[in-house]
Amino acid sequence: MQLSKEAIITKANAICKNTLMETLNIEFIDYGEDFVVARMPVNSRVYQPDGVLHGGATAALAESVGSFASHLFLDTENTMVRGIEITANHLKSVREGYVYAKSTFIHKGRTTQLLNISITDDNDNLISACKLSTITLPKK
């Protein structure tokens, strides 16, 4: 039985309970054949001391959406996905609103995957450009 798009998004958000994603209020909001989108509110919970979005919170958002993309598009009944490297180029500051992470595959291999993650603000300005490598490992 194939789950609906809404059911998959609901399930994705439900498994984030009691995790870093819940702490940062990261919410999956969309996905398609080759992408996943999540958003995170920009507020004092994710600020650096001078009141702008912390790069570490941005990287956590990027890794969350990229890892979920690998999880969603690969056979994970017998495997698990782990991030192995992330890069983030922070291009613009944000003080309020939401940031949106859209993850797309550059390479979708059976063992390793490479994803591009664009972080944008409410006005579709590019905030950070990230790349994530993930690895698929057998479940034990």
C-alpha atoms as a PDB file:
ATOM      1  CA  MET A   1       0.000   0.000   0.000  1.00  0.00           C
ATOM      2  CA  GLN A   2       1.435   3.356  -1.058  1.00  0.00           C
ATOM      3  CA  LEU A   3       1.052   6.185   1.454  1.00  0.00           C
ATOM      4  CA  SER A   4      -0.210   9.569   0.306  1.00  0.00           C
ATOM      5  CA  LYS A   5       2.090  12.569   0.200  1.00  0.00           C
ATOM      6  CA  GLU A   6       0.366  14.037   3.257  1.00  0.00           C
ATOM      7  CA  ALA A   7       0.699  10.756   5.175  1.00  0.00           C
ATOM      8  CA  ILE A   8       4.430  10.558   4.430  1.00  0.00           C
ATOM      9  CA  ILE A   9       4.991  14.168   5.535  1.00  0.00           C
ATOM     10  CA  THR A  10       2.954  13.530   8.710  1.00  0.00           C
ATOM     11  CA  LYS A  11       4.958  10.368   9.425  1.00  0.00           C
ATOM     12  CA  ALA A  12       8.264  12.193   8.809  1.00  0.00           C
ATOM     13  CA  ASN A  13       7.328  14.938  11.247  1.00  0.00           C
ATOM     14  CA  ALA A  14       6.098  12.397  13.826  1.00  0.00           C
ATOM     15  CA  ILE A  15       9.407  10.523  13.933  1.00  0.00           C
ATOM     16  CA  CYS A  16      11.178  13.807  14.711  1.00  0.00           C
ATOM     17  CA  LYS A  17       9.674  13.919  18.213  1.00  0.00           C
ATOM     18  CA  ASN A  18      12.310  14.070  20.972  1.00  0.00           C
ATOM     19  CA  THR A  19      15.119  14.777  18.493  1.00  0.00           C
ATOM     20  CA  LEU A  20      17.213  17.756  17.435  1.00  0.00           C
ATOM     21  CA  MET A  21      14.668  18.401  14.681  1.00  0.00           C
ATOM     22  CA  GLU A  22      11.946  18.945  17.291  1.00  0.00           C
ATOM     23  CA  THR A  23      14.269  21.143  19.391  1.00  0.00           C
ATOM     24  CA  LEU A  24      14.909  23.382  16.366  1.00  0.00           C
ATOM     25  CA  ASN A  25      11.245  23.188  15.233  1.00  0.00           C
ATOM     26  CA  ILE A  26      12.246  21.732  11.862  1.00  0.00           C
ATOM     27  CA  GLU A  27       9.164  20.695   9.912  1.00  0.00           C
ATOM     28  CA  PHE A  28       9.017  18.726   6.674  1.00  0.00           C
ATOM     29  CA  ILE A  29       6.539  20.474   4.373  1.00  0.00           C
ATOM     30  CA  ASP A  30       6.874  19.013   0.868  1.00  0.00           C
ATOM     31  CA  TYR A  31       8.513  16.366  -1.275  1.00  0.00           C
ATOM     32  CA  GLY A  32       8.370  15.177  -4.831  1.00  0.00           C
ATOM     33  CA  GLU A  33      10.029  12.645  -7.075  1.00  0.00           C
ATOM     34  CA  ASP A  34      13.479  14.216  -6.673  1.00  0.00           C
ATOM     35  CA  PHE A  35      13.302  16.726  -3.788  1.00  0.00           C
ATOM     36  CA  VAL A  36      12.419  17.252  -0.128  1.00  0.00           C
ATOM     37  CA  VAL A  37      11.594  20.590   1.543  1.00  0.00           C
ATOM     38  CA  ALA A  38      11.680  21.437   5.240  1.00  0.00           C
ATOM     39  CA  ARG A  39      11.435  24.720   7.105  1.00  0.00           C
ATOM     40  CA  MET A  40      12.714  26.102  10.394  1.00  0.00           C
ATOM     41  CA  PRO A  41      11.613  29.251  12.223  1.00  0.00           C
ATOM     42  CA  VAL A  42      14.281  31.889  12.802  1.00  0.00           C
ATOM     43  CA  ASN A  43      14.009  33.093  16.400  1.00  0.00           C
ATOM     44  CA  SER A  44      16.071  33.269  19.576  1.00  0.00           C
ATOM     45  CA  ARG A  45      16.271  29.448  19.762  1.00  0.00           C
ATOM     46  CA  VAL A  46      18.495  29.401  16.655  1.00  0.00           C
ATOM     47  CA  TYR A  47      20.324  32.741  17.027  1.00  0.00           C
ATOM     48  CA  GLN A  48      23.996  33.321  17.466  1.00  0.00           C
ATOM     49  CA  PRO A  49      24.806  35.966  20.133  1.00  0.00           C
ATOM     50  CA  ASP A  50      24.306  38.953  17.797  1.00  0.00           C
ATOM     51  CA  GLY A  51      20.722  37.979  16.938  1.00  0.00           C
ATOM     52  CA  VAL A  52      21.015  36.323  13.527  1.00  0.00           C
ATOM     53  CA  LEU A  53      20.553  32.722  12.410  1.00  0.00           C
ATOM     54  CA  HIS A  54      23.401  30.517  13.663  1.00  0.00           C
ATOM     55  CA  GLY A  55      25.307  28.645  10.950  1.00  0.00           C
ATOM     56  CA  GLY A  56      25.201  25.478  13.031  1.00  0.00           C
ATOM     57  CA  ALA A  57      21.396  25.571  13.093  1.00  0.00           C
ATOM     58  CA  THR A  58      21.444  26.076   9.323  1.00  0.00           C
ATOM     59  CA  ALA A  59      23.746  23.065   8.929  1.00  0.00           C
ATOM     60  CA  ALA A  60      21.448  20.984  11.165  1.00  0.00           C
ATOM     61  CA  LEU A  61      18.485  21.935   8.947  1.00  0.00           C
ATOM     62  CA  ALA A  62      20.464  21.034   5.817  1.00  0.00           C
ATOM     63  CA  GLU A  63      21.595  17.672   7.194  1.00  0.00           C
ATOM     64  CA  SER A  64      18.079  16.865   8.388  1.00  0.00           C
ATOM     65  CA  VAL A  65      16.440  17.487   5.017  1.00  0.00           C
ATOM     66  CA  GLY A  66      19.246  15.826   3.051  1.00  0.00           C
ATOM     67  CA  SER A  67      19.317  12.721   5.235  1.00  0.00           C
ATOM     68  CA  PHE A  68      15.536  12.435   5.009  1.00  0.00           C
ATOM     69  CA  ALA A  69      15.753  12.657   1.218  1.00  0.00           C
ATOM     70  CA  SER A  70      18.183   9.736   1.170  1.00  0.00           C
ATOM     71  CA  HIS A  71      15.962   7.837   3.593  1.00  0.00           C
ATOM     72  CA  LEU A  72      12.836   8.518   1.547  1.00  0.00           C
ATOM     73  CA  PHE A  73      14.243   7.663  -1.868  1.00  0.00           C
ATOM     74  CA  LEU A  74      16.270   4.576  -0.921  1.00  0.00           C
ATOM     75  CA  ASP A  75      15.275   1.144   0.352  1.00  0.00           C
ATOM     76  CA  THR A  76      15.546   1.649   4.096  1.00  0.00           C
ATOM     77  CA  GLU A  77      13.694  -1.449   5.206  1.00  0.00           C
ATOM     78  CA  ASN A  78      17.027  -3.243   5.462  1.00  0.00           C
ATOM     79  CA  THR A  79      19.359  -0.236   5.518  1.00  0.00           C
ATOM     80  CA  MET A  80      19.960   2.968   7.460  1.00  0.00           C
ATOM     81  CA  VAL A  81      21.230   6.338   6.260  1.00  0.00           C
ATOM     82  CA  ARG A  82      23.983   8.354   7.920  1.00  0.00           C
ATOM     83  CA  GLY A  83      25.484  11.705   6.996  1.00  0.00           C
ATOM     84  CA  ILE A  84      29.241  11.479   6.406  1.00  0.00           C
ATOM     85  CA  GLU A  85      30.170  15.014   5.321  1.00  0.00           C
ATOM     86  CA  ILE A  86      28.442  18.379   5.117  1.00  0.00           C
ATOM     87  CA  THR A  87      29.606  21.729   3.780  1.00  0.00           C
ATOM     88  CA  ALA A  88      27.750  24.984   4.179  1.00  0.00           C
ATOM     89  CA  ASN A  89      28.490  28.328   2.588  1.00  0.00           C
ATOM     90  CA  HIS A  90      26.544  31.000   4.470  1.00  0.00           C
ATOM     91  CA  LEU A  91      25.785  33.884   2.122  1.00  0.00           C
ATOM     92  CA  LYS A  92      23.250  36.081   3.887  1.00  0.00           C
ATOM     93  CA  SER A  93      22.003  36.734   7.438  1.00  0.00           C
ATOM     94  CA  VAL A  94      18.430  36.217   8.637  1.00  0.00           C
ATOM     95  CA  ARG A  95      16.829  37.635  11.816  1.00  0.00           C
ATOM     96  CA  GLU A  96      13.203  36.521  11.558  1.00  0.00           C
ATOM     97  CA  GLY A  97      10.675  34.493   9.615  1.00  0.00           C
ATOM     98  CA  TYR A  98      11.449  31.037   8.284  1.00  0.00           C
ATOM     99  CA  VAL A  99      14.278  29.453   6.371  1.00  0.00           C
ATOM    100  CA  TYR A 100      13.473  26.720   3.861  1.00  0.00           C
ATOM    101  CA  ALA A 101      15.778  23.870   2.908  1.00  0.00           C
ATOM    102  CA  LYS A 102      15.292  22.160  -0.443  1.00  0.00           C
ATOM    103  CA  SER A 103      17.320  19.013  -0.981  1.00  0.00           C
ATOM    104  CA  THR A 104      17.967  17.512  -4.411  1.00  0.00           C
ATOM    105  CA  PHE A 105      20.233  14.674  -5.474  1.00  0.00           C
ATOM    106  CA  ILE A 106      23.460  15.227  -7.349  1.00  0.00           C
ATOM    107  CA  HIS A 107      24.252  11.488  -7.112  1.00  0.00           C
ATOM    108  CA  LYS A 108      21.923   8.734  -5.896  1.00  0.00           C
ATOM    109  CA  GLY A 109      24.073   5.623  -5.547  1.00  0.00           C
ATOM    110  CA  ARG A 110      23.275   2.413  -3.721  1.00  0.00           C
ATOM    111  CA  THR A 111      26.002   3.042  -1.132  1.00  0.00           C
ATOM    112  CA  THR A 112      26.750   6.768  -1.218  1.00  0.00           C
ATOM    113  CA  GLN A 113      24.618   9.740  -2.090  1.00  0.00           C
ATOM    114  CA  LEU A 114      25.468  13.399  -2.714  1.00  0.00           C
ATOM    115  CA  LEU A 115      22.829  16.061  -2.194  1.00  0.00           C
ATOM    116  CA  ASN A 116      22.577  19.758  -2.878  1.00  0.00           C
ATOM    117  CA  ILE A 117      20.644  21.718  -0.255  1.00  0.00           C
ATOM    118  CA  SER A 118      19.621  25.323  -0.865  1.00  0.00           C
ATOM    119  CA  ILE A 119      18.554  27.321   2.183  1.00  0.00           C
ATOM    120  CA  THR A 120      16.316  30.282   1.348  1.00  0.00           C
ATOM    121  CA  ASP A 121      14.324  32.832   3.352  1.00  0.00           C
ATOM    122  CA  ASP A 122      10.680  33.910   3.124  1.00  0.00           C
ATOM    123  CA  ASN A 123      11.552  36.091   0.101  1.00  0.00           C
ATOM    124  CA  ASP A 124      13.357  33.238  -1.721  1.00  0.00           C
ATOM    125  CA  ASN A 125      16.788  34.821  -1.118  1.00  0.00           C
ATOM    126  CA  LEU A 126      19.617  32.273  -1.017  1.00  0.00           C
ATOM    127  CA  ILE A 127      20.884  32.170   2.582  1.00  0.00           C
ATOM    128  CA  SER A 128      23.201  29.152   2.454  1.00  0.00           C
ATOM    129  CA  ALA A 129      24.391  26.701  -0.183  1.00  0.00           C
ATOM    130  CA  CYS A 130      25.100  23.268   1.295  1.00  0.00           C
ATOM    131  CA  LYS A 131      26.228  19.851   0.126  1.00  0.00           C
ATOM    132  CA  LEU A 132      25.727  16.637   2.053  1.00  0.00           C
ATOM    133  CA  SER A 133      27.216  13.195   1.511  1.00  0.00           C
ATOM    134  CA  THR A 134      25.296  10.276   2.998  1.00  0.00           C
ATOM    135  CA  ILE A 135      26.039   6.590   3.215  1.00  0.00           C
ATOM    136  CA  THR A 136      23.619   3.673   3.238  1.00  0.00           C
ATOM    137  CA  LEU A 137      24.580   0.941   5.709  1.00  0.00           C
ATOM    138  CA  PRO A 138      22.948  -2.420   6.457  1.00  0.00           C
ATOM    139  CA  LYS A 139      20.803  -2.557   9.572  1.00  0.00           C
ATOM    140  CA  LYS A 140      22.203  -4.899  12.193  1.00  0.00           C
END
